[in-house]
Full PDB file with SEQRES, HELIX, SHEET, SSBOND, CRYST1, ORIGX, SCALE, CONECT and MASTER records, all heavy atoms in Angstrom:
SEQRES   1 A   32  TYR GLY VAL TRP LEU GLY ALA PRO PRO ASN SER VAL SER          
SEQRES   2 A   32  GLN ARG GLY ALA GLU PRO GLU VAL SER HIS SER GLN ALA          
SEQRES   3 A   32  HIS VAL GLN LEU PHE ARG                                      
SHEET    1 AA1 2 VAL A   3  ALA A   7  0                                        
SHEET    2 AA1 2 HIS A  27  PHE A  31 -1                                        
SHEET    1 AA2 2 SER A  11  SER A  13  0                                        
SHEET    2 AA2 2 VAL A  21  HIS A  23 -1                                        
CRYST1    1.000    1.000    1.000  90.00  90.00  90.00 P 1           1          
ORIGX1      1.000000  0.000000  0.000000        0.00000                         
ORIGX2      0.000000  1.000000  0.000000        0.00000                         
ORIGX3      0.000000  0.000000  1.000000        0.00000                         
SCALE1      1.000000  0.000000  0.000000        0.00000                         
SCALE2      0.000000  1.000000  0.000000        0.00000                         
SCALE3      0.000000  0.000000  1.000000        0.00000                         
ATOM      1  N   TYR A   1      -2.137 -99.731   3.160  1.00  0.00           N  
ATOM      2  CA  TYR A   1      -3.001-100.197   4.243  1.00  0.00           C  
ATOM      3  C   TYR A   1      -4.116-101.101   3.769  1.00  0.00           C  
ATOM      4  O   TYR A   1      -4.701-101.839   4.558  1.00  0.00           O  
ATOM      5  CB  TYR A   1      -3.586 -98.998   5.000  1.00  0.00           C  
ATOM      6  CG  TYR A   1      -2.496 -98.139   5.585  1.00  0.00           C  
ATOM      7  CD1 TYR A   1      -2.193 -96.909   5.015  1.00  0.00           C  
ATOM      8  CD2 TYR A   1      -1.742 -98.577   6.662  1.00  0.00           C  
ATOM      9  CE1 TYR A   1      -1.169 -96.126   5.536  1.00  0.00           C  
ATOM     10  CE2 TYR A   1      -0.715 -97.813   7.179  1.00  0.00           C  
ATOM     11  CZ  TYR A   1      -0.435 -96.585   6.613  1.00  0.00           C  
ATOM     12  OH  TYR A   1       0.587 -95.826   7.120  1.00  0.00           O  
ATOM     13  N   GLY A   2      -4.462-101.036   2.490  1.00  0.00           N  
ATOM     14  CA  GLY A   2      -5.519-101.881   1.966  1.00  0.00           C  
ATOM     15  C   GLY A   2      -6.373-101.155   0.950  1.00  0.00           C  
ATOM     16  O   GLY A   2      -5.977-100.133   0.387  1.00  0.00           O  
ATOM     17  N   VAL A   3      -7.557-101.707   0.715  1.00  0.00           N  
ATOM     18  CA  VAL A   3      -8.504-101.157  -0.260  1.00  0.00           C  
ATOM     19  C   VAL A   3      -9.503-100.280   0.495  1.00  0.00           C  
ATOM     20  O   VAL A   3     -10.057-100.696   1.520  1.00  0.00           O  
ATOM     21  CB  VAL A   3      -9.247-102.288  -1.001  1.00  0.00           C  
ATOM     22  CG1 VAL A   3     -10.267-101.715  -1.968  1.00  0.00           C  
ATOM     23  CG2 VAL A   3      -8.251-103.192  -1.729  1.00  0.00           C  
ATOM     24  N   TRP A   4      -9.752 -99.088  -0.047  1.00  0.00           N  
ATOM     25  CA  TRP A   4     -10.647 -98.119   0.579  1.00  0.00           C  
ATOM     26  C   TRP A   4     -11.897 -97.943  -0.260  1.00  0.00           C  
ATOM     27  O   TRP A   4     -11.813 -97.733  -1.465  1.00  0.00           O  
ATOM     28  CB  TRP A   4      -9.951 -96.768   0.709  1.00  0.00           C  
ATOM     29  CG  TRP A   4      -8.790 -96.775   1.646  1.00  0.00           C  
ATOM     30  CD1 TRP A   4      -7.486 -97.083   1.341  1.00  0.00           C  
ATOM     31  CD2 TRP A   4      -8.806 -96.457   3.037  1.00  0.00           C  
ATOM     32  NE1 TRP A   4      -6.702 -96.972   2.454  1.00  0.00           N  
ATOM     33  CE2 TRP A   4      -7.478 -96.587   3.510  1.00  0.00           C  
ATOM     34  CE3 TRP A   4      -9.813 -96.075   3.919  1.00  0.00           C  
ATOM     35  CZ2 TRP A   4      -7.146 -96.353   4.848  1.00  0.00           C  
ATOM     36  CZ3 TRP A   4      -9.474 -95.833   5.242  1.00  0.00           C  
ATOM     37  CH2 TRP A   4      -8.154 -95.968   5.698  1.00  0.00           C  
ATOM     38  N   LEU A   5     -13.048 -98.018   0.403  1.00  0.00           N  
ATOM     39  CA  LEU A   5     -14.331 -97.712  -0.216  1.00  0.00           C  
ATOM     40  C   LEU A   5     -14.965 -96.583   0.588  1.00  0.00           C  
ATOM     41  O   LEU A   5     -14.690 -96.427   1.779  1.00  0.00           O  
ATOM     42  CB  LEU A   5     -15.263 -98.922  -0.187  1.00  0.00           C  
ATOM     43  CG  LEU A   5     -14.809-100.207  -0.874  1.00  0.00           C  
ATOM     44  CD1 LEU A   5     -15.889-101.279  -0.742  1.00  0.00           C  
ATOM     45  CD2 LEU A   5     -14.463 -99.974  -2.326  1.00  0.00           C  
ATOM     46  N   GLY A   6     -15.837 -95.813  -0.062  1.00  0.00           N  
ATOM     47  CA  GLY A   6     -16.481 -94.711   0.641  1.00  0.00           C  
ATOM     48  C   GLY A   6     -17.970 -94.641   0.358  1.00  0.00           C  
ATOM     49  O   GLY A   6     -18.437 -95.067  -0.699  1.00  0.00           O  
ATOM     50  N   ALA A   7     -18.681 -94.090   1.324  1.00  0.00           N  
ATOM     51  CA  ALA A   7     -20.116 -93.843   1.188  1.00  0.00           C  
ATOM     52  C   ALA A   7     -20.362 -92.373   1.524  1.00  0.00           C  
ATOM     53  O   ALA A   7     -19.999 -91.917   2.614  1.00  0.00           O  
ATOM     54  CB  ALA A   7     -20.915 -94.739   2.120  1.00  0.00           C  
ATOM     55  N   PRO A   8     -20.955 -91.625   0.596  1.00  0.00           N  
ATOM     56  CA  PRO A   8     -21.202 -90.203   0.839  1.00  0.00           C  
ATOM     57  C   PRO A   8     -22.299 -89.995   1.875  1.00  0.00           C  
ATOM     58  O   PRO A   8     -23.001 -90.945   2.245  1.00  0.00           O  
ATOM     59  CB  PRO A   8     -21.625 -89.683  -0.533  1.00  0.00           C  
ATOM     60  CG  PRO A   8     -22.219 -90.867  -1.211  1.00  0.00           C  
ATOM     61  CD  PRO A   8     -21.455 -92.062  -0.706  1.00  0.00           C  
ATOM     62  N   PRO A   9     -22.482 -88.757   2.339  1.00  0.00           N  
ATOM     63  CA  PRO A   9     -23.599 -88.477   3.246  1.00  0.00           C  
ATOM     64  C   PRO A   9     -24.918 -88.943   2.620  1.00  0.00           C  
ATOM     65  O   PRO A   9     -25.091 -88.908   1.403  1.00  0.00           O  
ATOM     66  CB  PRO A   9     -23.575 -86.957   3.389  1.00  0.00           C  
ATOM     67  CG  PRO A   9     -22.176 -86.561   3.083  1.00  0.00           C  
ATOM     68  CD  PRO A   9     -21.697 -87.548   2.048  1.00  0.00           C  
ATOM     69  N   ASN A  10     -25.818 -89.389   3.480  1.00  0.00           N  
ATOM     70  CA  ASN A  10     -27.154 -89.864   3.098  1.00  0.00           C  
ATOM     71  C   ASN A  10     -27.144 -91.172   2.318  1.00  0.00           C  
ATOM     72  O   ASN A  10     -28.104 -91.492   1.622  1.00  0.00           O  
ATOM     73  CB  ASN A  10     -27.934 -88.778   2.349  1.00  0.00           C  
ATOM     74  CG  ASN A  10     -28.039 -87.520   3.189  1.00  0.00           C  
ATOM     75  OD1 ASN A  10     -28.415 -87.577   4.352  1.00  0.00           O  
ATOM     76  ND2 ASN A  10     -27.668 -86.393   2.620  1.00  0.00           N  
ATOM     77  N   SER A  11     -26.062 -91.939   2.452  1.00  0.00           N  
ATOM     78  CA  SER A  11     -26.040 -93.279   1.866  1.00  0.00           C  
ATOM     79  C   SER A  11     -26.842 -94.212   2.773  1.00  0.00           C  
ATOM     80  O   SER A  11     -27.210 -93.851   3.889  1.00  0.00           O  
ATOM     81  CB  SER A  11     -24.605 -93.773   1.722  1.00  0.00           C  
ATOM     82  OG  SER A  11     -24.001 -93.877   2.999  1.00  0.00           O  
ATOM     83  N   VAL A  12     -27.114 -95.412   2.287  1.00  0.00           N  
ATOM     84  CA  VAL A  12     -27.900 -96.369   3.059  1.00  0.00           C  
ATOM     85  C   VAL A  12     -27.169 -97.695   3.191  1.00  0.00           C  
ATOM     86  O   VAL A  12     -26.349 -98.063   2.345  1.00  0.00           O  
ATOM     87  CB  VAL A  12     -29.304 -96.610   2.446  1.00  0.00           C  
ATOM     88  CG1 VAL A  12     -30.134 -95.342   2.477  1.00  0.00           C  
ATOM     89  CG2 VAL A  12     -29.202 -97.159   1.044  1.00  0.00           C  
ATOM     90  N   SER A  13     -27.466 -98.392   4.272  1.00  0.00           N  
ATOM     91  CA  SER A  13     -27.018 -99.771   4.446  1.00  0.00           C  
ATOM     92  C   SER A  13     -28.214-100.549   4.978  1.00  0.00           C  
ATOM     93  O   SER A  13     -29.249 -99.970   5.319  1.00  0.00           O  
ATOM     94  CB  SER A  13     -25.823 -99.855   5.402  1.00  0.00           C  
ATOM     95  OG  SER A  13     -26.166 -99.435   6.689  1.00  0.00           O  
ATOM     96  N   GLN A  14     -28.068-101.856   5.037  1.00  0.00           N  
ATOM     97  CA  GLN A  14     -29.196-102.692   5.436  1.00  0.00           C  
ATOM     98  C   GLN A  14     -28.668-103.924   6.153  1.00  0.00           C  
ATOM     99  O   GLN A  14     -27.639-104.499   5.758  1.00  0.00           O  
ATOM    100  CB  GLN A  14     -29.960-103.095   4.174  1.00  0.00           C  
ATOM    101  CG  GLN A  14     -31.265-103.780   4.419  1.00  0.00           C  
ATOM    102  CD  GLN A  14     -32.017-104.026   3.106  1.00  0.00           C  
ATOM    103  OE1 GLN A  14     -31.477-103.880   2.022  1.00  0.00           O  
ATOM    104  NE2 GLN A  14     -33.276-104.396   3.234  1.00  0.00           N  
ATOM    105  N   ARG A  15     -29.348-104.325   7.219  1.00  0.00           N  
ATOM    106  CA  ARG A  15     -29.007-105.571   7.908  1.00  0.00           C  
ATOM    107  C   ARG A  15     -29.996-106.626   7.461  1.00  0.00           C  
ATOM    108  O   ARG A  15     -31.205-106.514   7.718  1.00  0.00           O  
ATOM    109  CB  ARG A  15     -29.056-105.398   9.414  1.00  0.00           C  
ATOM    110  CG  ARG A  15     -28.654-106.689  10.117  1.00  0.00           C  
ATOM    111  CD  ARG A  15     -28.343-106.552  11.573  1.00  0.00           C  
ATOM    112  NE  ARG A  15     -29.330-105.779  12.295  1.00  0.00           N  
ATOM    113  CZ  ARG A  15     -29.150-105.335  13.527  1.00  0.00           C  
ATOM    114  NH1 ARG A  15     -28.021-105.566  14.156  1.00  0.00           N  
ATOM    115  NH2 ARG A  15     -30.091-104.656  14.132  1.00  0.00           N  
ATOM    116  N   GLY A  16     -29.497-107.643   6.761  1.00  0.00           N  
ATOM    117  CA  GLY A  16     -30.361-108.705   6.254  1.00  0.00           C  
ATOM    118  C   GLY A  16     -31.458-108.123   5.390  1.00  0.00           C  
ATOM    119  O   GLY A  16     -31.197-107.352   4.474  1.00  0.00           O  
ATOM    120  N   ALA A  17     -32.707-108.471   5.711  1.00  0.00           N  
ATOM    121  CA  ALA A  17     -33.861-107.959   4.961  1.00  0.00           C  
ATOM    122  C   ALA A  17     -34.591-106.856   5.729  1.00  0.00           C  
ATOM    123  O   ALA A  17     -35.688-106.454   5.345  1.00  0.00           O  
ATOM    124  CB  ALA A  17     -34.819-109.108   4.662  1.00  0.00           C  
ATOM    125  N   GLU A  18     -33.979-106.359   6.805  1.00  0.00           N  
ATOM    126  CA  GLU A  18     -34.591-105.281   7.583  1.00  0.00           C  
ATOM    127  C   GLU A  18     -34.658-104.007   6.743  1.00  0.00           C  
ATOM    128  O   GLU A  18     -33.992-103.894   5.705  1.00  0.00           O  
ATOM    129  CB  GLU A  18     -33.774-105.026   8.857  1.00  0.00           C  
ATOM    130  CG  GLU A  18     -33.811-106.180   9.835  1.00  0.00           C  
ATOM    131  CD  GLU A  18     -32.928-105.946  11.054  1.00  0.00           C  
ATOM    132  OE1 GLU A  18     -32.434-104.810  11.256  1.00  0.00           O  
ATOM    133  OE2 GLU A  18     -32.717-106.916  11.803  1.00  0.00           O  
ATOM    134  N   PRO A  19     -35.422-103.007   7.185  1.00  0.00           N  
ATOM    135  CA  PRO A  19     -35.476-101.739   6.446  1.00  0.00           C  
ATOM    136  C   PRO A  19     -34.093-101.089   6.353  1.00  0.00           C  
ATOM    137  O   PRO A  19     -33.250-101.265   7.238  1.00  0.00           O  
ATOM    138  CB  PRO A  19     -36.415-100.873   7.301  1.00  0.00           C  
ATOM    139  CG  PRO A  19     -37.240-101.853   8.071  1.00  0.00           C  
ATOM    140  CD  PRO A  19     -36.344-103.033   8.324  1.00  0.00           C  
ATOM    141  N   GLU A  20     -33.878-100.353   5.273  1.00  0.00           N  
ATOM    142  CA  GLU A  20     -32.606 -99.651   5.078  1.00  0.00           C  
ATOM    143  C   GLU A  20     -32.387 -98.621   6.179  1.00  0.00           C  
ATOM    144  O   GLU A  20     -33.337 -98.050   6.712  1.00  0.00           O  
ATOM    145  CB  GLU A  20     -32.582 -98.945   3.723  1.00  0.00           C  
ATOM    146  CG  GLU A  20     -32.497 -99.891   2.568  1.00  0.00           C  
ATOM    147  CD  GLU A  20     -32.434 -99.174   1.223  1.00  0.00           C  
ATOM    148  OE1 GLU A  20     -32.869 -97.995   1.131  1.00  0.00           O  
ATOM    149  OE2 GLU A  20     -31.942 -99.786   0.267  1.00  0.00           O  
ATOM    150  N   VAL A  21     -31.107 -98.383   6.484  1.00  0.00           N  
ATOM    151  CA  VAL A  21     -30.704 -97.376   7.461  1.00  0.00           C  
ATOM    152  C   VAL A  21     -29.968 -96.281   6.700  1.00  0.00           C  
ATOM    153  O   VAL A  21     -29.035 -96.563   5.947  1.00  0.00           O  
ATOM    154  CB  VAL A  21     -29.768 -97.986   8.529  1.00  0.00           C  
ATOM    155  CG1 VAL A  21     -29.271 -96.924   9.489  1.00  0.00           C  
ATOM    156  CG2 VAL A  21     -30.458 -99.126   9.259  1.00  0.00           C  
ATOM    157  N   SER A  22     -30.378 -95.027   6.892  1.00  0.00           N  
ATOM    158  CA  SER A  22     -29.727 -93.901   6.225  1.00  0.00           C  
ATOM    159  C   SER A  22     -28.645 -93.322   7.142  1.00  0.00           C  
ATOM    160  O   SER A  22     -28.843 -93.208   8.349  1.00  0.00           O  
ATOM    161  CB  SER A  22     -30.765 -92.822   5.899  1.00  0.00           C  
ATOM    162  OG  SER A  22     -30.145 -91.750   5.246  1.00  0.00           O  
ATOM    163  N   HIS A  23     -27.508 -92.968   6.554  1.00  0.00           N  
ATOM    164  CA  HIS A  23     -26.375 -92.417   7.301  1.00  0.00           C  
ATOM    165  C   HIS A  23     -26.167 -90.967   6.892  1.00  0.00           C  
ATOM    166  O   HIS A  23     -25.807 -90.685   5.753  1.00  0.00           O  
ATOM    167  CB  HIS A  23     -25.104 -93.221   7.017  1.00  0.00           C  
ATOM    168  CG  HIS A  23     -25.273 -94.689   7.272  1.00  0.00           C  
ATOM    169  ND1 HIS A  23     -25.184 -95.238   8.529  1.00  0.00           N  
ATOM    170  CD2 HIS A  23     -25.557 -95.711   6.435  1.00  0.00           C  
ATOM    171  CE1 HIS A  23     -25.393 -96.537   8.454  1.00  0.00           C  
ATOM    172  NE2 HIS A  23     -25.627 -96.855   7.197  1.00  0.00           N  
ATOM    173  N   SER A  24     -26.394 -90.050   7.815  1.00  0.00           N  
ATOM    174  CA  SER A  24     -26.292 -88.633   7.470  1.00  0.00           C  
ATOM    175  C   SER A  24     -24.855 -88.202   7.215  1.00  0.00           C  
ATOM    176  O   SER A  24     -24.605 -87.285   6.434  1.00  0.00           O  
ATOM    177  CB  SER A  24     -26.927 -87.759   8.558  1.00  0.00           C  
ATOM    178  OG  SER A  24     -26.313 -88.004   9.807  1.00  0.00           O  
ATOM    179  N   GLN A  25     -23.883 -88.867   7.847  1.00  0.00           N  
ATOM    180  CA  GLN A  25     -22.476 -88.526   7.630  1.00  0.00           C  
ATOM    181  C   GLN A  25     -21.824 -89.499   6.644  1.00  0.00           C  
ATOM    182  O   GLN A  25     -22.212 -90.655   6.549  1.00  0.00           O  
ATOM    183  CB  GLN A  25     -21.683 -88.596   8.945  1.00  0.00           C  
ATOM    184  CG  GLN A  25     -22.042 -87.559   9.960  1.00  0.00           C  
ATOM    185  CD  GLN A  25     -23.141 -88.031  10.893  1.00  0.00           C  
ATOM    186  OE1 GLN A  25     -23.382 -89.220  11.034  1.00  0.00           O  
ATOM    187  NE2 GLN A  25     -23.829 -87.094  11.512  1.00  0.00           N  
ATOM    188  N   ALA A  26     -20.806 -88.990   5.981  1.00  0.00           N  
ATOM    189  CA  ALA A  26     -19.990 -89.849   5.121  1.00  0.00           C  
ATOM    190  C   ALA A  26     -19.212 -90.839   5.989  1.00  0.00           C  
ATOM    191  O   ALA A  26     -18.971 -90.593   7.177  1.00  0.00           O  
ATOM    192  CB  ALA A  26     -19.013 -88.994   4.313  1.00  0.00           C  
ATOM    193  N   HIS A  27     -18.832 -91.945   5.396  1.00  0.00           N  
ATOM    194  CA  HIS A  27     -17.917 -92.872   6.054  1.00  0.00           C  
ATOM    195  C   HIS A  27     -17.096 -93.598   4.998  1.00  0.00           C  
ATOM    196  O   HIS A  27     -17.498 -93.697   3.839  1.00  0.00           O  
ATOM    197  CB  HIS A  27     -18.646 -93.858   6.979  1.00  0.00           C  
ATOM    198  CG  HIS A  27     -19.620 -94.768   6.304  1.00  0.00           C  
ATOM    199  ND1 HIS A  27     -20.907 -94.392   6.004  1.00  0.00           N  
ATOM    200  CD2 HIS A  27     -19.491 -96.043   5.874  1.00  0.00           C  
ATOM    201  CE1 HIS A  27     -21.538 -95.401   5.422  1.00  0.00           C  
ATOM    202  NE2 HIS A  27     -20.692 -96.417   5.332  1.00  0.00           N  
ATOM    203  N   VAL A  28     -15.919 -94.038   5.405  1.00  0.00           N  
ATOM    204  CA  VAL A  28     -15.066 -94.828   4.534  1.00  0.00           C  
ATOM    205  C   VAL A  28     -14.774 -96.145   5.232  1.00  0.00           C  
ATOM    206  O   VAL A  28     -14.861 -96.249   6.456  1.00  0.00           O  
ATOM    207  CB  VAL A  28     -13.745 -94.105   4.159  1.00  0.00           C  
ATOM    208  CG1 VAL A  28     -14.033 -92.879   3.315  1.00  0.00           C  
ATOM    209  CG2 VAL A  28     -12.921 -93.749   5.369  1.00  0.00           C  
ATOM    210  N   GLN A  29     -14.454 -97.138   4.417  1.00  0.00           N  
ATOM    211  CA  GLN A  29     -14.191 -98.457   4.968  1.00  0.00           C  
ATOM    212  C   GLN A  29     -12.902 -99.000   4.378  1.00  0.00           C  
ATOM    213  O   GLN A  29     -12.620 -98.837   3.195  1.00  0.00           O  
ATOM    214  CB  GLN A  29     -15.362 -99.394   4.665  1.00  0.00           C  
ATOM    215  CG  GLN A  29     -15.336-100.627   5.503  1.00  0.00           C  
ATOM    216  CD  GLN A  29     -16.692-101.308   5.595  1.00  0.00           C  
ATOM    217  OE1 GLN A  29     -17.687-100.838   5.054  1.00  0.00           O  
ATOM    218  NE2 GLN A  29     -16.741-102.421   6.299  1.00  0.00           N  
ATOM    219  N   LEU A  30     -12.113 -99.630   5.247  1.00  0.00           N  
ATOM    220  CA  LEU A  30     -10.832-100.216   4.873  1.00  0.00           C  
ATOM    221  C   LEU A  30     -10.947-101.729   4.878  1.00  0.00           C  
ATOM    222  O   LEU A  30     -11.435-102.328   5.845  1.00  0.00           O  
ATOM    223  CB  LEU A  30      -9.748 -99.778   5.861  1.00  0.00           C  
ATOM    224  CG  LEU A  30      -8.377-100.432   5.703  1.00  0.00           C  
ATOM    225  CD1 LEU A  30      -7.745-100.060   4.362  1.00  0.00           C  
ATOM    226  CD2 LEU A  30      -7.478-100.037   6.869  1.00  0.00           C  
ATOM    227  N   PHE A  31     -10.467-102.337   3.787  1.00  0.00           N  
ATOM    228  CA  PHE A  31     -10.443-103.791   3.648  1.00  0.00           C  
ATOM    229  C   PHE A  31      -8.996-104.200   3.418  1.00  0.00           C  
ATOM    230  O   PHE A  31      -8.415-103.858   2.392  1.00  0.00           O  
ATOM    231  CB  PHE A  31     -11.317-104.233   2.465  1.00  0.00           C  
ATOM    232  CG  PHE A  31     -12.744-103.815   2.616  1.00  0.00           C  
ATOM    233  CD1 PHE A  31     -13.169-102.578   2.154  1.00  0.00           C  
ATOM    234  CD2 PHE A  31     -13.664-104.637   3.241  1.00  0.00           C  
ATOM    235  CE1 PHE A  31     -14.488-102.170   2.307  1.00  0.00           C  
ATOM    236  CE2 PHE A  31     -14.985-104.237   3.399  1.00  0.00           C  
ATOM    237  CZ  PHE A  31     -15.393-103.001   2.933  1.00  0.00           C  
ATOM    238  N   ARG A  32      -8.414-104.903   4.377  1.00  0.00           N  
ATOM    239  CA  ARG A  32      -7.016-105.323   4.296  1.00  0.00           C  
ATOM    240  C   ARG A  32      -6.944-106.750   3.776  1.00  0.00           C  
ATOM    241  O   ARG A  32      -7.739-107.599   4.155  1.00  0.00           O  
ATOM    242  CB  ARG A  32      -6.361-105.218   5.655  1.00  0.00           C  
ATOM    243  CG  ARG A  32      -6.375-103.754   6.131  1.00  0.00           C  
ATOM    244  CD  ARG A  32      -5.439-103.520   7.226  1.00  0.00           C  
ATOM    245  NE  ARG A  32      -4.068-103.675   6.762  1.00  0.00           N  
ATOM    246  CZ  ARG A  32      -3.028-103.425   7.525  1.00  0.00           C  
ATOM    247  NH1 ARG A  32      -3.188-103.012   8.753  1.00  0.00           N  
ATOM    248  NH2 ARG A  32      -1.810-103.598   7.056  1.00  0.00           N  
TER     249      ARG A  32                                                      
MASTER        0    0    0    0    4    0    0    6  248    1    0    3          
END                                                                             
C-alpha cells in the first residue's frame, strides 16, 4: 500500500510557523 510513518501519543505537529499542536492519540500516515 505504500510507506508508513507513525507518531506516538503526545507527538506534535505545526502549521507553518504557528505554535506546535500536541496530539494526545497516536496516528499513522500512509504515503503512496
